[in-house]
Amino acid sequence: MSEDNPHSTSGSTSKTWFERIKQALTGEPKNKEELVDLISDAEQREVIDPQTREMIEGVIGVNQARVRDIMIPRAQMITVDIEQSVDEFLPVVLESAHSRFPVITEDKDHIEGILLAKDLLAYAFHPEKEFQLKDILRPATMVPESKRVDALLKEFRQQRYHMSIVVDEYGGVSGVVTIEDILELIVGEIEDEHDVEDEGTDDIRPLNKSTYSVKALTPVEDFNAFFEVKFNEEDADTIGGIVLKAIGHMPNTNDEVTINDIHFKITNSDKRKLIQLKVSVPALE
């Protein structure tokens, strides 16, 4: 009976790769860059496919992201007023095709709870039942903008809820975050049969009066028009290209640069491209 040759090429390669994984996960030195390089090496060796590599890198990036980086900003929140009748808020529910809605009283800073669309089914089949929106509300959980995304994902899983209201340092509502927002950070954008073709309307999203979340692929022309600035469209096609040129190398997530009084922070990127930027403009006097 023959034994495996410990000096064979395949055995040596496999052993070396597993030794490197062990070192990256349990030995010294430990850092994200080494782990990402190891994952890229695994892809090149066809141990994993490109999609798996992207997902693993997405998981690694989650612990760097904060809720403010992925939340749906206040201006884009779809809400239901607690005083509305079913006839008044049902068109909003149907048109948005969402499954959860913050329910407000006076304004978006006063949230009474979360409406689950499925909770309306019992009344649809039994119209004789007296309906009070407040009777079917689920509790609304609050999270700060600065909360780490990986910690929020753990809470979502442990407590089995899928939406939280995001509040700023003063207690005002600044947006909403869902478990789908976190999953999209890992696996990329999740589309369903209700999603429409992206026409660029969400390329620039306000976070507050002077800060915006901007897709790196936003055309320079659109960026100039929105912010009333004059970046040279011959320098790059996208605002991400303008940032890359200014920095001079492929930056990492959380790197920052100021160009023409506009501050750019990279909130999402991979080894090949910029994905999302946080843009801060000078506050109006």
C-alpha atoms as a PDB file:
ATOM      1  CA  MET A   1       0.000   0.000   0.000  1.00  0.00           C
ATOM      2  CA  SER A   2       1.541   3.313  -1.072  1.00  0.00           C
ATOM      3  CA  GLU A   3       1.516   6.411   1.085  1.00  0.00           C
ATOM      4  CA  ASP A   4       0.983   9.985  -0.066  1.00  0.00           C
ATOM      5  CA  ASN A   5       4.214  11.713  -0.957  1.00  0.00           C
ATOM      6  CA  PRO A   6       4.643  14.556   1.567  1.00  0.00           C
ATOM      7  CA  HIS A   7       6.851  16.349  -0.955  1.00  0.00           C
ATOM      8  CA  SER A   8       4.336  16.287  -3.778  1.00  0.00           C
ATOM      9  CA  THR A   9       3.513  19.634  -5.391  1.00  0.00           C
ATOM     10  CA  SER A  10      -0.220  19.509  -4.631  1.00  0.00           C
ATOM     11  CA  GLY A  11       0.331  18.482  -1.017  1.00  0.00           C
ATOM     12  CA  SER A  12       2.907  21.206  -0.487  1.00  0.00           C
ATOM     13  CA  THR A  13       0.698  23.835  -2.077  1.00  0.00           C
ATOM     14  CA  SER A  14      -2.308  22.781  -0.009  1.00  0.00           C
ATOM     15  CA  LYS A  15      -0.295  22.699   3.186  1.00  0.00           C
ATOM     16  CA  THR A  16       1.199  26.104   2.515  1.00  0.00           C
ATOM     17  CA  TRP A  17      -2.220  27.622   1.868  1.00  0.00           C
ATOM     18  CA  PHE A  18      -3.718  26.190   5.048  1.00  0.00           C
ATOM     19  CA  GLU A  19      -0.723  27.283   7.050  1.00  0.00           C
ATOM     20  CA  ARG A  20      -1.229  30.806   5.754  1.00  0.00           C
ATOM     21  CA  ILE A  21      -4.943  30.730   6.666  1.00  0.00           C
ATOM     22  CA  LYS A  22      -4.060  29.487  10.146  1.00  0.00           C
ATOM     23  CA  GLN A  23      -1.514  32.252  10.560  1.00  0.00           C
ATOM     24  CA  ALA A  24      -3.955  34.903   9.378  1.00  0.00           C
ATOM     25  CA  LEU A  25      -6.741  33.705  11.679  1.00  0.00           C
ATOM     26  CA  THR A  26      -4.869  32.576  14.784  1.00  0.00           C
ATOM     27  CA  GLY A  27      -1.266  33.662  14.566  1.00  0.00           C
ATOM     28  CA  GLU A  28       0.719  36.851  14.313  1.00  0.00           C
ATOM     29  CA  PRO A  29       0.578  39.218  12.603  1.00  0.00           C
ATOM     30  CA  LYS A  30      -3.184  39.689  12.387  1.00  0.00           C
ATOM     31  CA  ASN A  31      -4.562  42.409  10.132  1.00  0.00           C
ATOM     32  CA  LYS A  32      -7.273  42.865   7.584  1.00  0.00           C
ATOM     33  CA  GLU A  33      -4.883  43.449   4.684  1.00  0.00           C
ATOM     34  CA  GLU A  34      -3.212  40.057   5.098  1.00  0.00           C
ATOM     35  CA  LEU A  35      -6.560  38.294   5.305  1.00  0.00           C
ATOM     36  CA  VAL A  36      -7.875  40.040   2.179  1.00  0.00           C
ATOM     37  CA  ASP A  37      -4.679  39.124   0.315  1.00  0.00           C
ATOM     38  CA  LEU A  38      -5.111  35.527   1.423  1.00  0.00           C
ATOM     39  CA  ILE A  39      -8.685  35.443   0.149  1.00  0.00           C
ATOM     40  CA  SER A  40      -7.588  36.903  -3.192  1.00  0.00           C
ATOM     41  CA  ASP A  41      -4.893  34.246  -3.362  1.00  0.00           C
ATOM     42  CA  ALA A  42      -7.525  31.571  -2.735  1.00  0.00           C
ATOM     43  CA  GLU A  43      -9.535  32.914  -5.669  1.00  0.00           C
ATOM     44  CA  GLN A  44      -6.496  32.839  -7.940  1.00  0.00           C
ATOM     45  CA  ARG A  45      -5.889  29.219  -6.934  1.00  0.00           C
ATOM     46  CA  GLU A  46      -9.577  28.509  -7.716  1.00  0.00           C
ATOM     47  CA  VAL A  47     -10.187  27.385  -4.140  1.00  0.00           C
ATOM     48  CA  ILE A  48     -13.111  29.823  -4.106  1.00  0.00           C
ATOM     49  CA  ASP A  49     -14.972  31.561  -6.919  1.00  0.00           C
ATOM     50  CA  PRO A  50     -15.099  35.377  -7.409  1.00  0.00           C
ATOM     51  CA  GLN A  51     -18.603  35.656  -5.941  1.00  0.00           C
ATOM     52  CA  THR A  52     -17.516  33.892  -2.761  1.00  0.00           C
ATOM     53  CA  ARG A  53     -14.464  36.134  -2.515  1.00  0.00           C
ATOM     54  CA  GLU A  54     -16.627  39.253  -2.842  1.00  0.00           C
ATOM     55  CA  MET A  55     -18.996  38.010  -0.126  1.00  0.00           C
ATOM     56  CA  ILE A  56     -16.135  37.219   2.254  1.00  0.00           C
ATOM     57  CA  GLU A  57     -14.637  40.655   1.676  1.00  0.00           C
ATOM     58  CA  GLY A  58     -18.092  42.126   2.288  1.00  0.00           C
ATOM     59  CA  VAL A  59     -18.291  40.346   5.627  1.00  0.00           C
ATOM     60  CA  ILE A  60     -14.843  41.654   6.560  1.00  0.00           C
ATOM     61  CA  GLY A  61     -15.923  45.183   5.644  1.00  0.00           C
ATOM     62  CA  VAL A  62     -19.054  45.059   7.789  1.00  0.00           C
ATOM     63  CA  ASN A  63     -17.129  45.627  11.019  1.00  0.00           C
ATOM     64  CA  GLN A  64     -15.804  48.918   9.634  1.00  0.00           C
ATOM     65  CA  ALA A  65     -19.175  50.321   8.628  1.00  0.00           C
ATOM     66  CA  ARG A  66     -21.457  52.385  10.838  1.00  0.00           C
ATOM     67  CA  VAL A  67     -25.223  52.577  10.649  1.00  0.00           C
ATOM     68  CA  ARG A  68     -25.017  56.098   9.199  1.00  0.00           C
ATOM     69  CA  ASP A  69     -23.206  54.657   6.167  1.00  0.00           C
ATOM     70  CA  ILE A  70     -26.031  52.339   5.099  1.00  0.00           C
ATOM     71  CA  MET A  71     -29.234  53.827   6.534  1.00  0.00           C
ATOM     72  CA  ILE A  72     -32.142  55.134   4.477  1.00  0.00           C
ATOM     73  CA  PRO A  73     -32.071  58.877   5.262  1.00  0.00           C
ATOM     74  CA  ARG A  74     -34.999  60.639   6.905  1.00  0.00           C
ATOM     75  CA  ALA A  75     -36.022  62.393   3.679  1.00  0.00           C
ATOM     76  CA  GLN A  76     -36.570  59.029   1.978  1.00  0.00           C
ATOM     77  CA  MET A  77     -38.406  57.304   4.825  1.00  0.00           C
ATOM     78  CA  ILE A  78     -41.883  56.084   3.886  1.00  0.00           C
ATOM     79  CA  THR A  79     -44.123  56.499   6.906  1.00  0.00           C
ATOM     80  CA  VAL A  80     -47.756  56.099   7.906  1.00  0.00           C
ATOM     81  CA  ASP A  81     -49.588  58.587  10.123  1.00  0.00           C
ATOM     82  CA  ILE A  82     -51.339  56.953  13.055  1.00  0.00           C
ATOM     83  CA  GLU A  83     -54.429  59.064  12.422  1.00  0.00           C
ATOM     84  CA  GLN A  84     -54.808  57.886   8.828  1.00  0.00           C
ATOM     85  CA  SER A  85     -57.564  55.500   7.859  1.00  0.00           C
ATOM     86  CA  VAL A  86     -56.841  52.312   5.923  1.00  0.00           C
ATOM     87  CA  ASP A  87     -58.130  53.929   2.753  1.00  0.00           C
ATOM     88  CA  GLU A  88     -55.646  56.759   3.228  1.00  0.00           C
ATOM     89  CA  PHE A  89     -52.462  54.794   3.938  1.00  0.00           C
ATOM     90  CA  LEU A  90     -53.123  51.589   1.954  1.00  0.00           C
ATOM     91  CA  PRO A  91     -52.128  53.165  -1.412  1.00  0.00           C
ATOM     92  CA  VAL A  92     -48.760  54.094   0.132  1.00  0.00           C
ATOM     93  CA  VAL A  93     -48.271  50.519   1.354  1.00  0.00           C
ATOM     94  CA  LEU A  94     -49.151  49.031  -2.017  1.00  0.00           C
ATOM     95  CA  GLU A  95     -47.134  51.476  -4.101  1.00  0.00           C
ATOM     96  CA  SER A  96     -43.939  51.134  -2.057  1.00  0.00           C
ATOM     97  CA  ALA A  97     -44.184  47.321  -1.825  1.00  0.00           C
ATOM     98  CA  HIS A  98     -42.334  47.467   1.485  1.00  0.00           C
ATOM     99  CA  SER A  99     -43.186  45.140   4.324  1.00  0.00           C
ATOM    100  CA  ARG A 100     -42.532  47.484   7.282  1.00  0.00           C
ATOM    101  CA  PHE A 101     -43.438  51.123   7.877  1.00  0.00           C
ATOM    102  CA  PRO A 102     -42.621  53.511  10.735  1.00  0.00           C
ATOM    103  CA  VAL A 103     -45.866  54.946  12.135  1.00  0.00           C
ATOM    104  CA  ILE A 104     -45.669  58.582  13.203  1.00  0.00           C
ATOM    105  CA  THR A 105     -47.787  61.116  15.065  1.00  0.00           C
ATOM    106  CA  GLU A 106     -46.733  64.760  14.670  1.00  0.00           C
ATOM    107  CA  ASP A 107     -43.729  64.239  12.395  1.00  0.00           C
ATOM    108  CA  LYS A 108     -40.883  61.803  11.724  1.00  0.00           C
ATOM    109  CA  ASP A 109     -39.308  62.601  15.096  1.00  0.00           C
ATOM    110  CA  HIS A 110     -42.355  61.108  16.826  1.00  0.00           C
ATOM    111  CA  ILE A 111     -42.508  57.414  15.947  1.00  0.00           C
ATOM    112  CA  GLU A 112     -45.123  55.308  17.712  1.00  0.00           C
ATOM    113  CA  GLY A 113     -44.161  51.922  16.343  1.00  0.00           C
ATOM    114  CA  ILE A 114     -43.715  49.784  13.243  1.00  0.00           C
ATOM    115  CA  LEU A 115     -46.534  48.579  10.995  1.00  0.00           C
ATOM    116  CA  LEU A 116     -46.033  45.165   9.394  1.00  0.00           C
ATOM    117  CA  ALA A 117     -48.031  44.950   6.187  1.00  0.00           C
ATOM    118  CA  LYS A 118     -48.887  41.310   6.891  1.00  0.00           C
ATOM    119  CA  ASP A 119     -50.725  42.361  10.059  1.00  0.00           C
ATOM    120  CA  LEU A 120     -53.349  43.996   7.850  1.00  0.00           C
ATOM    121  CA  LEU A 121     -54.366  40.656   6.317  1.00  0.00           C
ATOM    122  CA  ALA A 122     -56.562  39.670   9.251  1.00  0.00           C
ATOM    123  CA  TYR A 123     -58.698  42.752   8.658  1.00  0.00           C
ATOM    124  CA  ALA A 124     -58.796  42.278   4.898  1.00  0.00           C
ATOM    125  CA  PHE A 125     -60.576  38.937   5.286  1.00  0.00           C
ATOM    126  CA  HIS A 126     -62.729  40.092   8.211  1.00  0.00           C
ATOM    127  CA  PRO A 127     -63.922  43.604   7.323  1.00  0.00           C
ATOM    128  CA  GLU A 128     -66.430  43.513  10.151  1.00  0.00           C
ATOM    129  CA  LYS A 129     -63.574  43.795  12.665  1.00  0.00           C
ATOM    130  CA  GLU A 130     -63.070  47.230  14.159  1.00  0.00           C
ATOM    131  CA  PHE A 131     -59.692  48.508  12.996  1.00  0.00           C
ATOM    132  CA  GLN A 132     -57.359  50.670  15.061  1.00  0.00           C
ATOM    133  CA  LEU A 133     -53.854  51.128  13.718  1.00  0.00           C
ATOM    134  CA  LYS A 134     -52.410  51.543  17.194  1.00  0.00           C
ATOM    135  CA  ASP A 135     -53.666  48.074  18.142  1.00  0.00           C
ATOM    136  CA  ILE A 136     -51.428  46.256  15.657  1.00  0.00           C
ATOM    137  CA  LEU A 137     -48.212  48.269  15.956  1.00  0.00           C
ATOM    138  CA  ARG A 138     -44.962  46.480  16.729  1.00  0.00           C
ATOM    139  CA  PRO A 139     -42.394  48.184  19.006  1.00  0.00           C
ATOM    140  CA  ALA A 140     -39.883  50.470  17.310  1.00  0.00           C
ATOM    141  CA  THR A 141     -36.247  50.002  18.309  1.00  0.00           C
ATOM    142  CA  MET A 142     -33.822  52.921  18.192  1.00  0.00           C
ATOM    143  CA  VAL A 143     -30.137  52.772  17.279  1.00  0.00           C
ATOM    144  CA  PRO A 144     -27.543  55.574  17.126  1.00  0.00           C
ATOM    145  CA  GLU A 145     -25.972  56.586  13.829  1.00  0.00           C
ATOM    146  CA  SER A 146     -22.563  55.594  15.174  1.00  0.00           C
ATOM    147  CA  LYS A 147     -23.489  51.980  15.975  1.00  0.00           C
ATOM    148  CA  ARG A 148     -21.358  49.392  14.249  1.00  0.00           C
ATOM    149  CA  VAL A 149     -23.184  47.472  11.542  1.00  0.00           C
ATOM    150  CA  ASP A 150     -21.892  44.073  12.687  1.00  0.00           C
ATOM    151  CA  ALA A 151     -23.251  44.709  16.200  1.00  0.00           C
ATOM    152  CA  LEU A 152     -26.643  45.687  14.767  1.00  0.00           C
ATOM    153  CA  LEU A 153     -26.754  42.554  12.614  1.00  0.00           C
ATOM    154  CA  LYS A 154     -26.157  40.467  15.730  1.00  0.00           C
ATOM    155  CA  GLU A 155     -29.049  42.228  17.485  1.00  0.00           C
ATOM    156  CA  PHE A 156     -31.313  41.735  14.481  1.00  0.00           C
ATOM    157  CA  ARG A 157     -30.599  38.010  14.565  1.00  0.00           C
ATOM    158  CA  GLN A 158     -30.875  37.573  18.326  1.00  0.00           C
ATOM    159  CA  GLN A 159     -34.015  39.653  18.830  1.00  0.00           C
ATOM    160  CA  ARG A 160     -35.615  38.675  15.512  1.00  0.00           C
ATOM    161  CA  TYR A 161     -36.583  42.083  14.211  1.00  0.00           C
ATOM    162  CA  HIS A 162     -35.721  43.531  10.822  1.00  0.00           C
ATOM    163  CA  MET A 163     -35.944  47.315  11.155  1.00  0.00           C
ATOM    164  CA  SER A 164     -34.596  49.987  13.500  1.00  0.00           C
ATOM    165  CA  ILE A 165     -35.057  53.733  13.669  1.00  0.00           C
ATOM    166  CA  VAL A 166     -31.763  55.628  13.461  1.00  0.00           C
ATOM    167  CA  VAL A 167     -31.317  58.646  15.753  1.00  0.00           C
ATOM    168  CA  ASP A 168     -28.642  61.331  15.832  1.00  0.00           C
ATOM    169  CA  GLU A 169     -26.705  62.593  18.836  1.00  0.00           C
ATOM    170  CA  TYR A 170     -29.566  64.941  19.752  1.00  0.00           C
ATOM    171  CA  GLY A 171     -32.224  62.242  19.692  1.00  0.00           C
ATOM    172  CA  GLY A 172     -33.776  63.307  16.401  1.00  0.00           C
ATOM    173  CA  VAL A 173     -34.680  60.716  13.791  1.00  0.00           C
ATOM    174  CA  SER A 174     -32.123  60.725  10.985  1.00  0.00           C
ATOM    175  CA  GLY A 175     -33.229  57.622   9.091  1.00  0.00           C
ATOM    176  CA  VAL A 176     -34.135  53.968   9.185  1.00  0.00           C
ATOM    177  CA  VAL A 177     -32.051  50.821   8.743  1.00  0.00           C
ATOM    178  CA  THR A 178     -33.185  47.303   7.851  1.00  0.00           C
ATOM    179  CA  ILE A 179     -31.547  43.909   7.798  1.00  0.00           C
ATOM    180  CA  GLU A 180     -31.687  44.054   3.993  1.00  0.00           C
ATOM    181  CA  ASP A 181     -29.458  47.147   4.060  1.00  0.00           C
ATOM    182  CA  ILE A 182     -26.849  45.123   5.961  1.00  0.00           C
ATOM    183  CA  LEU A 183     -27.132  42.114   3.663  1.00  0.00           C
ATOM    184  CA  GLU A 184     -26.656  44.350   0.627  1.00  0.00           C
ATOM    185  CA  LEU A 185     -23.410  45.576   2.168  1.00  0.00           C
ATOM    186  CA  ILE A 186     -22.230  41.957   2.126  1.00  0.00           C
ATOM    187  CA  VAL A 187     -23.691  40.480  -1.049  1.00  0.00           C
ATOM    188  CA  GLY A 188     -24.446  43.562  -3.125  1.00  0.00           C
ATOM    189  CA  GLU A 189     -27.755  45.129  -4.045  1.00  0.00           C
ATOM    190  CA  ILE A 190     -30.762  42.862  -3.587  1.00  0.00           C
ATOM    191  CA  GLU A 191     -33.448  43.364  -6.205  1.00  0.00           C
ATOM    192  CA  ASP A 192     -36.903  41.867  -6.314  1.00  0.00           C
ATOM    193  CA  GLU A 193     -39.783  41.941  -8.739  1.00  0.00           C
ATOM    194  CA  HIS A 194     -40.915  45.308  -7.383  1.00  0.00           C
ATOM    195  CA  ASP A 195     -37.615  47.118  -7.923  1.00  0.00           C
ATOM    196  CA  VAL A 196     -37.461  49.476 -10.892  1.00  0.00           C
ATOM    197  CA  GLU A 197     -34.487  50.244 -13.061  1.00  0.00           C
ATOM    198  CA  ASP A 198     -32.114  52.636 -11.312  1.00  0.00           C
ATOM    199  CA  GLU A 199     -32.360  55.960 -13.130  1.00  0.00           C
ATOM    200  CA  GLY A 200     -29.744  57.673 -11.014  1.00  0.00           C
ATOM    201  CA  THR A 201     -32.186  59.404  -8.658  1.00  0.00           C
ATOM    202  CA  ASP A 202     -30.583  57.746  -5.629  1.00  0.00           C
ATOM    203  CA  ASP A 203     -26.987  58.484  -6.641  1.00  0.00           C
ATOM    204  CA  ILE A 204     -26.959  61.396  -4.186  1.00  0.00           C
ATOM    205  CA  ARG A 205     -28.834  61.040  -0.897  1.00  0.00           C
ATOM    206  CA  PRO A 206     -28.916  63.722   1.825  1.00  0.00           C
ATOM    207  CA  LEU A 207     -27.838  62.659   5.321  1.00  0.00           C
ATOM    208  CA  ASN A 208     -28.211  66.102   6.870  1.00  0.00           C
ATOM    209  CA  LYS A 209     -28.033  69.731   5.754  1.00  0.00           C
ATOM    210  CA  SER A 210     -24.395  69.572   4.699  1.00  0.00           C
ATOM    211  CA  THR A 211     -23.585  65.860   4.309  1.00  0.00           C
ATOM    212  CA  TYR A 212     -24.576  63.477   1.530  1.00  0.00           C
ATOM    213  CA  SER A 213     -24.105  59.830   0.632  1.00  0.00           C
ATOM    214  CA  VAL A 214     -22.942  59.690  -2.991  1.00  0.00           C
ATOM    215  CA  LYS A 215     -22.356  56.703  -5.255  1.00  0.00           C
ATOM    216  CA  ALA A 216     -18.822  56.739  -6.621  1.00  0.00           C
ATOM    217  CA  LEU A 217     -20.191  56.068 -10.118  1.00  0.00           C
ATOM    218  CA  THR A 218     -22.210  59.296 -10.109  1.00  0.00           C
ATOM    219  CA  PRO A 219     -21.346  61.142 -13.351  1.00  0.00           C
ATOM    220  CA  VAL A 220     -19.274  64.287 -12.785  1.00  0.00           C
ATOM    221  CA  GLU A 221     -21.872  66.253 -14.743  1.00  0.00           C
ATOM    222  CA  ASP A 222     -24.644  65.181 -12.332  1.00  0.00           C
ATOM    223  CA  PHE A 223     -22.443  65.865  -9.302  1.00  0.00           C
ATOM    224  CA  ASN A 224     -21.624  69.359 -10.573  1.00  0.00           C
ATOM    225  CA  ALA A 225     -25.277  70.127 -11.238  1.00  0.00           C
ATOM    226  CA  PHE A 226     -26.424  68.926  -7.815  1.00  0.00           C
ATOM    227  CA  PHE A 227     -23.744  70.694  -5.747  1.00  0.00           C
ATOM    228  CA  GLU A 228     -23.339  73.663  -8.109  1.00  0.00           C
ATOM    229  CA  VAL A 229     -19.602  73.076  -8.483  1.00  0.00           C
ATOM    230  CA  LYS A 230     -17.301  72.836 -11.496  1.00  0.00           C
ATOM    231  CA  PHE A 231     -15.188  69.696 -11.376  1.00  0.00           C
ATOM    232  CA  ASN A 232     -13.540  69.157 -14.753  1.00  0.00           C
ATOM    233  CA  GLU A 233     -15.508  66.552 -16.701  1.00  0.00           C
ATOM    234  CA  GLU A 234     -12.409  65.877 -18.814  1.00  0.00           C
ATOM    235  CA  ASP A 235     -10.477  64.683 -15.757  1.00  0.00           C
ATOM    236  CA  ALA A 236     -12.835  61.755 -15.098  1.00  0.00           C
ATOM    237  CA  ASP A 237     -16.270  60.453 -16.030  1.00  0.00           C
ATOM    238  CA  THR A 238     -17.390  59.850 -12.421  1.00  0.00           C
ATOM    239  CA  ILE A 239     -16.928  61.584  -9.089  1.00  0.00           C
ATOM    240  CA  GLY A 240     -15.132  58.474  -7.870  1.00  0.00           C
ATOM    241  CA  GLY A 241     -12.588  59.059 -10.622  1.00  0.00           C
ATOM    242  CA  ILE A 242     -12.096  62.651  -9.439  1.00  0.00           C
ATOM    243  CA  VAL A 243     -11.419  61.380  -5.910  1.00  0.00           C
ATOM    244  CA  LEU A 244      -8.999  58.701  -7.152  1.00  0.00           C
ATOM    245  CA  LYS A 245      -7.054  61.263  -9.154  1.00  0.00           C
ATOM    246  CA  ALA A 246      -6.815  63.584  -6.160  1.00  0.00           C
ATOM    247  CA  ILE A 247      -5.584  60.846  -3.818  1.00  0.00           C
ATOM    248  CA  GLY A 248      -3.196  59.399  -6.377  1.00  0.00           C
ATOM    249  CA  HIS A 249      -3.603  55.736  -5.436  1.00  0.00           C
ATOM    250  CA  MET A 250      -6.312  53.175  -4.666  1.00  0.00           C
ATOM    251  CA  PRO A 251      -7.538  54.347  -1.240  1.00  0.00           C
ATOM    252  CA  ASN A 252      -9.044  52.273   1.558  1.00  0.00           C
ATOM    253  CA  THR A 253     -12.431  52.577   3.198  1.00  0.00           C
ATOM    254  CA  ASN A 254     -12.467  55.553   5.621  1.00  0.00           C
ATOM    255  CA  ASP A 255      -9.715  57.414   3.751  1.00  0.00           C
ATOM    256  CA  GLU A 256     -10.501  61.104   3.309  1.00  0.00           C
ATOM    257  CA  VAL A 257      -9.584  63.948   0.975  1.00  0.00           C
ATOM    258  CA  THR A 258     -10.710  67.548   0.485  1.00  0.00           C
ATOM    259  CA  ILE A 259     -11.064  68.881  -3.054  1.00  0.00           C
ATOM    260  CA  ASN A 260     -12.131  72.481  -3.736  1.00  0.00           C
ATOM    261  CA  ASP A 261     -13.520  72.867  -0.178  1.00  0.00           C
ATOM    262  CA  ILE A 262     -15.617  69.692  -0.516  1.00  0.00           C
ATOM    263  CA  HIS A 263     -14.676  66.896   1.874  1.00  0.00           C
ATOM    264  CA  PHE A 264     -14.865  63.315   0.609  1.00  0.00           C
ATOM    265  CA  LYS A 265     -14.781  60.238   2.857  1.00  0.00           C
ATOM    266  CA  ILE A 266     -14.760  56.770   1.338  1.00  0.00           C
ATOM    267  CA  THR A 267     -17.432  54.726   3.117  1.00  0.00           C
ATOM    268  CA  ASN A 268     -17.315  51.642   0.912  1.00  0.00           C
ATOM    269  CA  SER A 269     -14.675  50.310  -1.450  1.00  0.00           C
ATOM    270  CA  ASP A 270     -12.871  47.172  -2.500  1.00  0.00           C
ATOM    271  CA  LYS A 271      -9.401  46.523  -3.896  1.00  0.00           C
ATOM    272  CA  ARG A 272     -10.417  47.548  -7.410  1.00  0.00           C
ATOM    273  CA  LYS A 273     -12.901  50.399  -7.124  1.00  0.00           C
ATOM    274  CA  LEU A 274     -14.658  52.981  -4.986  1.00  0.00           C
ATOM    275  CA  ILE A 275     -18.293  52.214  -4.247  1.00  0.00           C
ATOM    276  CA  GLN A 276     -19.750  54.828  -1.895  1.00  0.00           C
ATOM    277  CA  LEU A 277     -18.648  58.260  -0.697  1.00  0.00           C
ATOM    278  CA  LYS A 278     -19.736  60.577   2.083  1.00  0.00           C
ATOM    279  CA  VAL A 279     -19.588  64.151   0.835  1.00  0.00           C
ATOM    280  CA  SER A 280     -19.506  67.111   3.212  1.00  0.00           C
ATOM    281  CA  VAL A 281     -20.019  70.596   1.790  1.00  0.00           C
ATOM    282  CA  PRO A 282     -19.313  73.884   3.595  1.00  0.00           C
ATOM    283  CA  ALA A 283     -22.228  74.741   5.895  1.00  0.00           C
ATOM    284  CA  LEU A 284     -24.316  77.666   4.757  1.00  0.00           C
ATOM    285  CA  GLU A 285     -23.889  80.764   6.890  1.00  0.00           C
END
